[in-house]
Amino acid sequence: MRKFSSCPSSLLWGCSSGKLKVRGVHDALGTALYYLVAGAPFVVANLWDVADKDIDKLCMAHMQRLFPGAKSTSGEDSAVSAAAALALCRDVCRMPHAVGAAPVVYGIPALLSVK
């Protein structure tokens, strides 16, 4: 059996990067699952093809929520859930129900700590 080293959380913003392919009676396969098997706690990926400019806006808003670049005003470390950050950013798209709904989070709802 192949032993995997720890894989960091991954943000796959490409078209259909989270789409799983079903082949008959076998389990579904896809890039997002390969990252999880390799040890990533979570993967953000798109289920279908999306418009470039809209997904770029969503990606930037998501990154700004995940990595604000400064400590909180109380001096404590702030922790942000990738899934919660994604949910808050979906409305920045021109088409929030088409492009904004494409990204999903696979894996554990992990928190990212900003120090």
N, C-alpha and C. Protein backbone atom coordinates (compact mmCIF):
# COMPACT_ATOMS: atom_id res chain seq x y z
N MET A 1 0.85 -1.18 0.00
CA MET A 1 0.00 0.00 0.00
C MET A 1 0.89 1.24 0.00
N ARG A 2 0.52 2.21 -0.79
CA ARG A 2 1.30 3.45 -0.89
C ARG A 2 0.99 4.35 0.29
N LYS A 3 2.03 4.89 0.90
CA LYS A 3 1.87 5.78 2.04
C LYS A 3 1.96 7.22 1.56
N PHE A 4 0.95 8.03 1.91
CA PHE A 4 0.92 9.44 1.50
C PHE A 4 1.43 10.32 2.62
N SER A 5 2.15 11.34 2.24
CA SER A 5 2.56 12.33 3.23
C SER A 5 1.40 13.32 3.40
N SER A 6 1.53 14.17 4.36
CA SER A 6 0.48 15.13 4.63
C SER A 6 0.34 16.11 3.47
N CYS A 7 -0.86 16.34 3.05
CA CYS A 7 -1.16 17.25 1.95
C CYS A 7 -1.89 18.46 2.53
N PRO A 8 -1.52 19.67 2.16
CA PRO A 8 -2.20 20.85 2.70
C PRO A 8 -3.60 21.01 2.12
N SER A 9 -4.39 21.82 2.76
CA SER A 9 -5.71 22.17 2.22
C SER A 9 -5.50 22.80 0.85
N SER A 10 -6.45 22.56 -0.05
CA SER A 10 -6.26 23.02 -1.43
C SER A 10 -7.48 23.77 -1.91
N LEU A 11 -7.23 24.80 -2.73
CA LEU A 11 -8.27 25.60 -3.34
C LEU A 11 -8.14 25.42 -4.85
N LEU A 12 -9.03 24.63 -5.44
CA LEU A 12 -9.00 24.34 -6.88
C LEU A 12 -10.10 25.15 -7.54
N TRP A 13 -9.74 26.25 -8.17
CA TRP A 13 -10.74 27.16 -8.73
C TRP A 13 -11.02 26.91 -10.20
N GLY A 14 -10.43 25.89 -10.79
CA GLY A 14 -10.65 25.61 -12.21
C GLY A 14 -12.03 25.05 -12.50
N CYS A 15 -12.43 25.15 -13.75
CA CYS A 15 -13.74 24.66 -14.18
C CYS A 15 -13.86 23.16 -13.93
N SER A 16 -14.94 22.76 -13.32
CA SER A 16 -15.26 21.35 -13.04
C SER A 16 -14.17 20.63 -12.25
N SER A 17 -13.39 21.36 -11.46
CA SER A 17 -12.31 20.73 -10.70
C SER A 17 -12.83 19.84 -9.58
N GLY A 18 -14.08 20.03 -9.17
CA GLY A 18 -14.66 19.20 -8.11
C GLY A 18 -15.67 18.19 -8.60
N LYS A 19 -15.82 18.10 -9.93
CA LYS A 19 -16.79 17.17 -10.50
C LYS A 19 -16.28 15.74 -10.34
N LEU A 20 -17.13 14.88 -9.84
CA LEU A 20 -16.77 13.48 -9.68
C LEU A 20 -17.32 12.67 -10.85
N LYS A 21 -16.54 11.73 -11.31
CA LYS A 21 -16.94 10.89 -12.45
C LYS A 21 -17.36 9.53 -11.95
N VAL A 22 -18.55 9.11 -12.29
CA VAL A 22 -19.07 7.81 -11.90
C VAL A 22 -18.86 6.84 -13.06
N ARG A 23 -18.28 5.70 -12.76
CA ARG A 23 -18.00 4.70 -13.79
C ARG A 23 -18.65 3.39 -13.38
N GLY A 24 -19.88 3.21 -13.84
CA GLY A 24 -20.60 1.97 -13.55
C GLY A 24 -20.90 1.81 -12.08
N VAL A 25 -20.61 0.62 -11.54
CA VAL A 25 -20.92 0.32 -10.15
C VAL A 25 -19.81 0.72 -9.19
N HIS A 26 -18.72 1.26 -9.70
CA HIS A 26 -17.58 1.63 -8.86
C HIS A 26 -17.80 2.99 -8.21
N ASP A 27 -17.02 3.25 -7.19
CA ASP A 27 -17.11 4.54 -6.50
C ASP A 27 -16.73 5.68 -7.45
N ALA A 28 -17.28 6.85 -7.18
CA ALA A 28 -16.96 8.04 -7.97
C ALA A 28 -15.49 8.42 -7.74
N LEU A 29 -14.88 8.99 -8.78
CA LEU A 29 -13.49 9.43 -8.71
C LEU A 29 -13.38 10.87 -9.19
N GLY A 30 -12.39 11.57 -8.69
CA GLY A 30 -12.14 12.94 -9.14
C GLY A 30 -10.95 13.54 -8.43
N THR A 31 -10.48 14.65 -8.94
CA THR A 31 -9.29 15.31 -8.41
C THR A 31 -9.47 15.67 -6.93
N ALA A 32 -10.62 16.18 -6.56
CA ALA A 32 -10.85 16.58 -5.17
C ALA A 32 -10.69 15.40 -4.22
N LEU A 33 -11.16 14.24 -4.62
CA LEU A 33 -11.02 13.05 -3.76
C LEU A 33 -9.57 12.61 -3.65
N TYR A 34 -8.80 12.77 -4.71
CA TYR A 34 -7.37 12.42 -4.65
C TYR A 34 -6.65 13.28 -3.61
N TYR A 35 -7.00 14.56 -3.53
CA TYR A 35 -6.40 15.44 -2.53
C TYR A 35 -6.78 14.98 -1.12
N LEU A 36 -8.04 14.59 -0.92
CA LEU A 36 -8.48 14.13 0.40
C LEU A 36 -7.78 12.84 0.79
N VAL A 37 -7.63 11.92 -0.15
CA VAL A 37 -6.93 10.67 0.13
C VAL A 37 -5.47 10.93 0.47
N ALA A 38 -4.87 11.95 -0.13
CA ALA A 38 -3.48 12.30 0.12
C ALA A 38 -3.29 13.00 1.47
N GLY A 39 -4.39 13.31 2.17
CA GLY A 39 -4.28 13.88 3.51
C GLY A 39 -4.74 15.32 3.66
N ALA A 40 -5.26 15.93 2.62
CA ALA A 40 -5.75 17.31 2.74
C ALA A 40 -6.99 17.32 3.64
N PRO A 41 -7.05 18.23 4.62
CA PRO A 41 -8.23 18.29 5.48
C PRO A 41 -9.48 18.74 4.73
N PHE A 42 -9.32 19.65 3.76
CA PHE A 42 -10.45 20.06 2.93
C PHE A 42 -9.96 20.54 1.58
N VAL A 43 -10.88 20.54 0.62
CA VAL A 43 -10.61 20.99 -0.75
C VAL A 43 -11.79 21.83 -1.20
N VAL A 44 -11.53 23.03 -1.72
CA VAL A 44 -12.56 23.86 -2.33
C VAL A 44 -12.43 23.67 -3.84
N ALA A 45 -13.53 23.27 -4.50
CA ALA A 45 -13.48 22.98 -5.93
C ALA A 45 -14.83 23.29 -6.58
N ASN A 46 -14.82 23.51 -7.89
CA ASN A 46 -16.04 23.84 -8.64
C ASN A 46 -16.69 22.58 -9.21
N LEU A 47 -18.01 22.52 -9.11
CA LEU A 47 -18.75 21.36 -9.62
C LEU A 47 -19.00 21.42 -11.12
N TRP A 48 -19.02 22.61 -11.70
CA TRP A 48 -19.28 22.75 -13.13
C TRP A 48 -18.47 23.91 -13.69
N ASP A 49 -18.56 24.08 -15.03
CA ASP A 49 -17.85 25.16 -15.71
C ASP A 49 -18.40 26.51 -15.29
N VAL A 50 -17.51 27.48 -15.11
CA VAL A 50 -17.90 28.80 -14.62
C VAL A 50 -17.26 29.90 -15.48
N ALA A 51 -17.83 31.09 -15.39
CA ALA A 51 -17.29 32.25 -16.11
C ALA A 51 -16.03 32.75 -15.40
N ASP A 52 -15.00 33.07 -16.17
CA ASP A 52 -13.70 33.44 -15.61
C ASP A 52 -13.76 34.65 -14.68
N LYS A 53 -14.34 35.75 -15.13
CA LYS A 53 -14.34 36.97 -14.34
C LYS A 53 -15.13 36.82 -13.05
N ASP A 54 -16.24 36.12 -13.13
CA ASP A 54 -17.08 35.92 -11.95
C ASP A 54 -16.37 35.04 -10.91
N ILE A 55 -15.76 33.96 -11.34
CA ILE A 55 -15.09 33.07 -10.39
C ILE A 55 -13.83 33.73 -9.84
N ASP A 56 -13.20 34.60 -10.62
CA ASP A 56 -12.04 35.35 -10.12
C ASP A 56 -12.45 36.29 -8.98
N LYS A 57 -13.60 36.95 -9.13
CA LYS A 57 -14.11 37.82 -8.07
C LYS A 57 -14.39 37.02 -6.80
N LEU A 58 -15.02 35.87 -6.99
CA LEU A 58 -15.35 35.01 -5.85
C LEU A 58 -14.08 34.50 -5.18
N CYS A 59 -13.11 34.10 -5.96
CA CYS A 59 -11.83 33.62 -5.43
C CYS A 59 -11.14 34.71 -4.59
N MET A 60 -11.08 35.91 -5.11
CA MET A 60 -10.43 37.02 -4.39
C MET A 60 -11.17 37.34 -3.08
N ALA A 61 -12.49 37.37 -3.13
CA ALA A 61 -13.27 37.64 -1.92
C ALA A 61 -13.06 36.53 -0.88
N HIS A 62 -13.00 35.29 -1.33
CA HIS A 62 -12.79 34.16 -0.44
C HIS A 62 -11.40 34.23 0.20
N MET A 63 -10.40 34.55 -0.59
CA MET A 63 -9.04 34.66 -0.06
C MET A 63 -8.93 35.80 0.96
N GLN A 64 -9.61 36.91 0.70
CA GLN A 64 -9.58 38.03 1.63
C GLN A 64 -10.24 37.68 2.95
N ARG A 65 -11.28 36.84 2.90
CA ARG A 65 -11.92 36.39 4.15
C ARG A 65 -11.05 35.39 4.89
N LEU A 66 -10.40 34.50 4.15
CA LEU A 66 -9.56 33.48 4.79
C LEU A 66 -8.27 34.06 5.37
N PHE A 67 -7.66 34.99 4.63
CA PHE A 67 -6.37 35.55 5.03
C PHE A 67 -6.47 37.07 5.10
N PRO A 68 -7.05 37.60 6.17
CA PRO A 68 -7.24 39.05 6.25
C PRO A 68 -5.94 39.83 6.37
N GLY A 69 -4.84 39.18 6.73
CA GLY A 69 -3.55 39.85 6.76
C GLY A 69 -3.22 40.59 8.03
N ALA A 70 -4.11 40.58 8.98
CA ALA A 70 -3.82 41.26 10.24
C ALA A 70 -4.49 40.53 11.39
N LYS A 71 -3.96 40.74 12.58
CA LYS A 71 -4.59 40.15 13.77
C LYS A 71 -5.91 40.87 14.05
N SER A 72 -6.75 40.20 14.79
CA SER A 72 -8.00 40.85 15.17
C SER A 72 -7.69 42.01 16.11
N THR A 73 -8.64 42.90 16.29
CA THR A 73 -8.42 44.11 17.10
C THR A 73 -8.19 43.76 18.57
N SER A 74 -8.67 42.62 19.02
CA SER A 74 -8.47 42.23 20.41
C SER A 74 -7.09 41.65 20.66
N GLY A 75 -6.30 41.45 19.58
CA GLY A 75 -4.96 40.90 19.72
C GLY A 75 -4.93 39.38 19.69
N GLU A 76 -6.11 38.75 19.63
CA GLU A 76 -6.18 37.29 19.58
C GLU A 76 -6.09 36.84 18.13
N ASP A 77 -5.71 35.58 17.96
CA ASP A 77 -5.69 35.01 16.62
C ASP A 77 -7.12 34.82 16.14
N SER A 78 -7.37 35.10 14.89
CA SER A 78 -8.71 34.88 14.35
C SER A 78 -8.71 33.61 13.54
N ALA A 79 -9.77 32.82 13.67
CA ALA A 79 -9.90 31.57 12.93
C ALA A 79 -11.13 31.66 12.05
N VAL A 80 -10.99 31.24 10.81
CA VAL A 80 -12.08 31.34 9.85
C VAL A 80 -12.29 29.98 9.20
N SER A 81 -13.53 29.54 9.12
CA SER A 81 -13.86 28.31 8.43
C SER A 81 -13.91 28.57 6.93
N ALA A 82 -13.29 27.71 6.16
CA ALA A 82 -13.29 27.87 4.70
C ALA A 82 -14.71 27.79 4.15
N ALA A 83 -15.52 26.93 4.72
CA ALA A 83 -16.90 26.79 4.25
C ALA A 83 -17.73 28.04 4.58
N ALA A 84 -17.55 28.58 5.78
CA ALA A 84 -18.28 29.80 6.16
C ALA A 84 -17.84 30.98 5.31
N ALA A 85 -16.55 31.09 5.06
CA ALA A 85 -16.03 32.18 4.22
C ALA A 85 -16.60 32.09 2.81
N LEU A 86 -16.69 30.87 2.28
CA LEU A 86 -17.24 30.67 0.94
C LEU A 86 -18.72 31.06 0.90
N ALA A 87 -19.46 30.67 1.92
CA ALA A 87 -20.88 31.01 1.97
C ALA A 87 -21.11 32.52 2.00
N LEU A 88 -20.25 33.24 2.71
CA LEU A 88 -20.40 34.69 2.81
C LEU A 88 -20.01 35.42 1.53
N CYS A 89 -19.21 34.78 0.69
CA CYS A 89 -18.69 35.44 -0.51
C CYS A 89 -19.47 35.14 -1.78
N ARG A 90 -20.41 34.24 -1.75
CA ARG A 90 -21.11 33.82 -2.98
C ARG A 90 -21.83 34.96 -3.69
N ASP A 91 -22.26 35.98 -2.96
CA ASP A 91 -23.05 37.05 -3.57
C ASP A 91 -22.21 38.10 -4.30
N VAL A 92 -20.88 37.98 -4.33
CA VAL A 92 -20.06 38.94 -5.08
C VAL A 92 -20.13 38.69 -6.59
N CYS A 93 -20.64 37.55 -6.99
CA CYS A 93 -20.73 37.19 -8.42
C CYS A 93 -21.91 37.90 -9.07
N ARG A 94 -21.79 38.14 -10.37
CA ARG A 94 -22.93 38.69 -11.13
C ARG A 94 -24.05 37.64 -11.20
N MET A 95 -23.66 36.38 -11.25
CA MET A 95 -24.63 35.28 -11.30
C MET A 95 -24.43 34.39 -10.08
N PRO A 96 -24.94 34.81 -8.91
CA PRO A 96 -24.68 34.06 -7.68
C PRO A 96 -25.29 32.66 -7.65
N HIS A 97 -26.35 32.44 -8.41
CA HIS A 97 -26.98 31.12 -8.40
C HIS A 97 -26.38 30.18 -9.44
N ALA A 98 -25.61 30.68 -10.36
CA ALA A 98 -24.95 29.84 -11.37
C ALA A 98 -23.47 29.69 -11.05
N VAL A 99 -22.76 30.80 -10.99
CA VAL A 99 -21.32 30.76 -10.72
C VAL A 99 -21.05 30.67 -9.22
N GLY A 100 -21.80 31.42 -8.43
CA GLY A 100 -21.58 31.42 -6.98
C GLY A 100 -21.88 30.10 -6.32
N ALA A 101 -22.73 29.30 -6.93
CA ALA A 101 -23.09 28.00 -6.35
C ALA A 101 -22.16 26.88 -6.79
N ALA A 102 -21.28 27.12 -7.76
CA ALA A 102 -20.40 26.08 -8.28
C ALA A 102 -19.35 25.59 -7.28
N PRO A 103 -18.70 26.48 -6.49
CA PRO A 103 -17.68 25.99 -5.56
C PRO A 103 -18.30 25.29 -4.35
N VAL A 104 -17.72 24.16 -3.99
CA VAL A 104 -18.14 23.41 -2.80
C VAL A 104 -16.89 23.06 -2.00
N VAL A 105 -17.10 22.69 -0.74
CA VAL A 105 -16.01 22.28 0.13
C VAL A 105 -16.15 20.80 0.41
N TYR A 106 -15.13 20.03 0.02
CA TYR A 106 -15.06 18.61 0.34
C TYR A 106 -14.18 18.47 1.58
N GLY A 107 -14.52 17.54 2.47
CA GLY A 107 -13.65 17.24 3.61
C GLY A 107 -14.20 17.73 4.93
N ILE A 108 -13.30 17.97 5.85
CA ILE A 108 -13.62 18.36 7.23
C ILE A 108 -13.77 19.88 7.29
N PRO A 109 -14.75 20.39 8.02
CA PRO A 109 -14.88 21.85 8.15
C PRO A 109 -13.78 22.42 9.04
N ALA A 110 -12.58 22.49 8.51
CA ALA A 110 -11.41 22.92 9.28
C ALA A 110 -11.36 24.44 9.38
N LEU A 111 -10.70 24.91 10.42
CA LEU A 111 -10.50 26.34 10.63
C LEU A 111 -9.07 26.69 10.25
N LEU A 112 -8.90 27.85 9.62
CA LEU A 112 -7.57 28.36 9.32
C LEU A 112 -7.28 29.45 10.34
N SER A 113 -6.17 29.33 11.01
CA SER A 113 -5.79 30.31 12.01
C SER A 113 -4.84 31.32 11.41
N VAL A 114 -5.15 32.60 11.57
CA VAL A 114 -4.30 33.67 11.07
C VAL A 114 -3.54 34.23 12.26
N LYS A 115 -2.22 34.16 12.21
CA LYS A 115 -1.41 34.61 13.36
C LYS A 115 -0.70 35.90 13.04
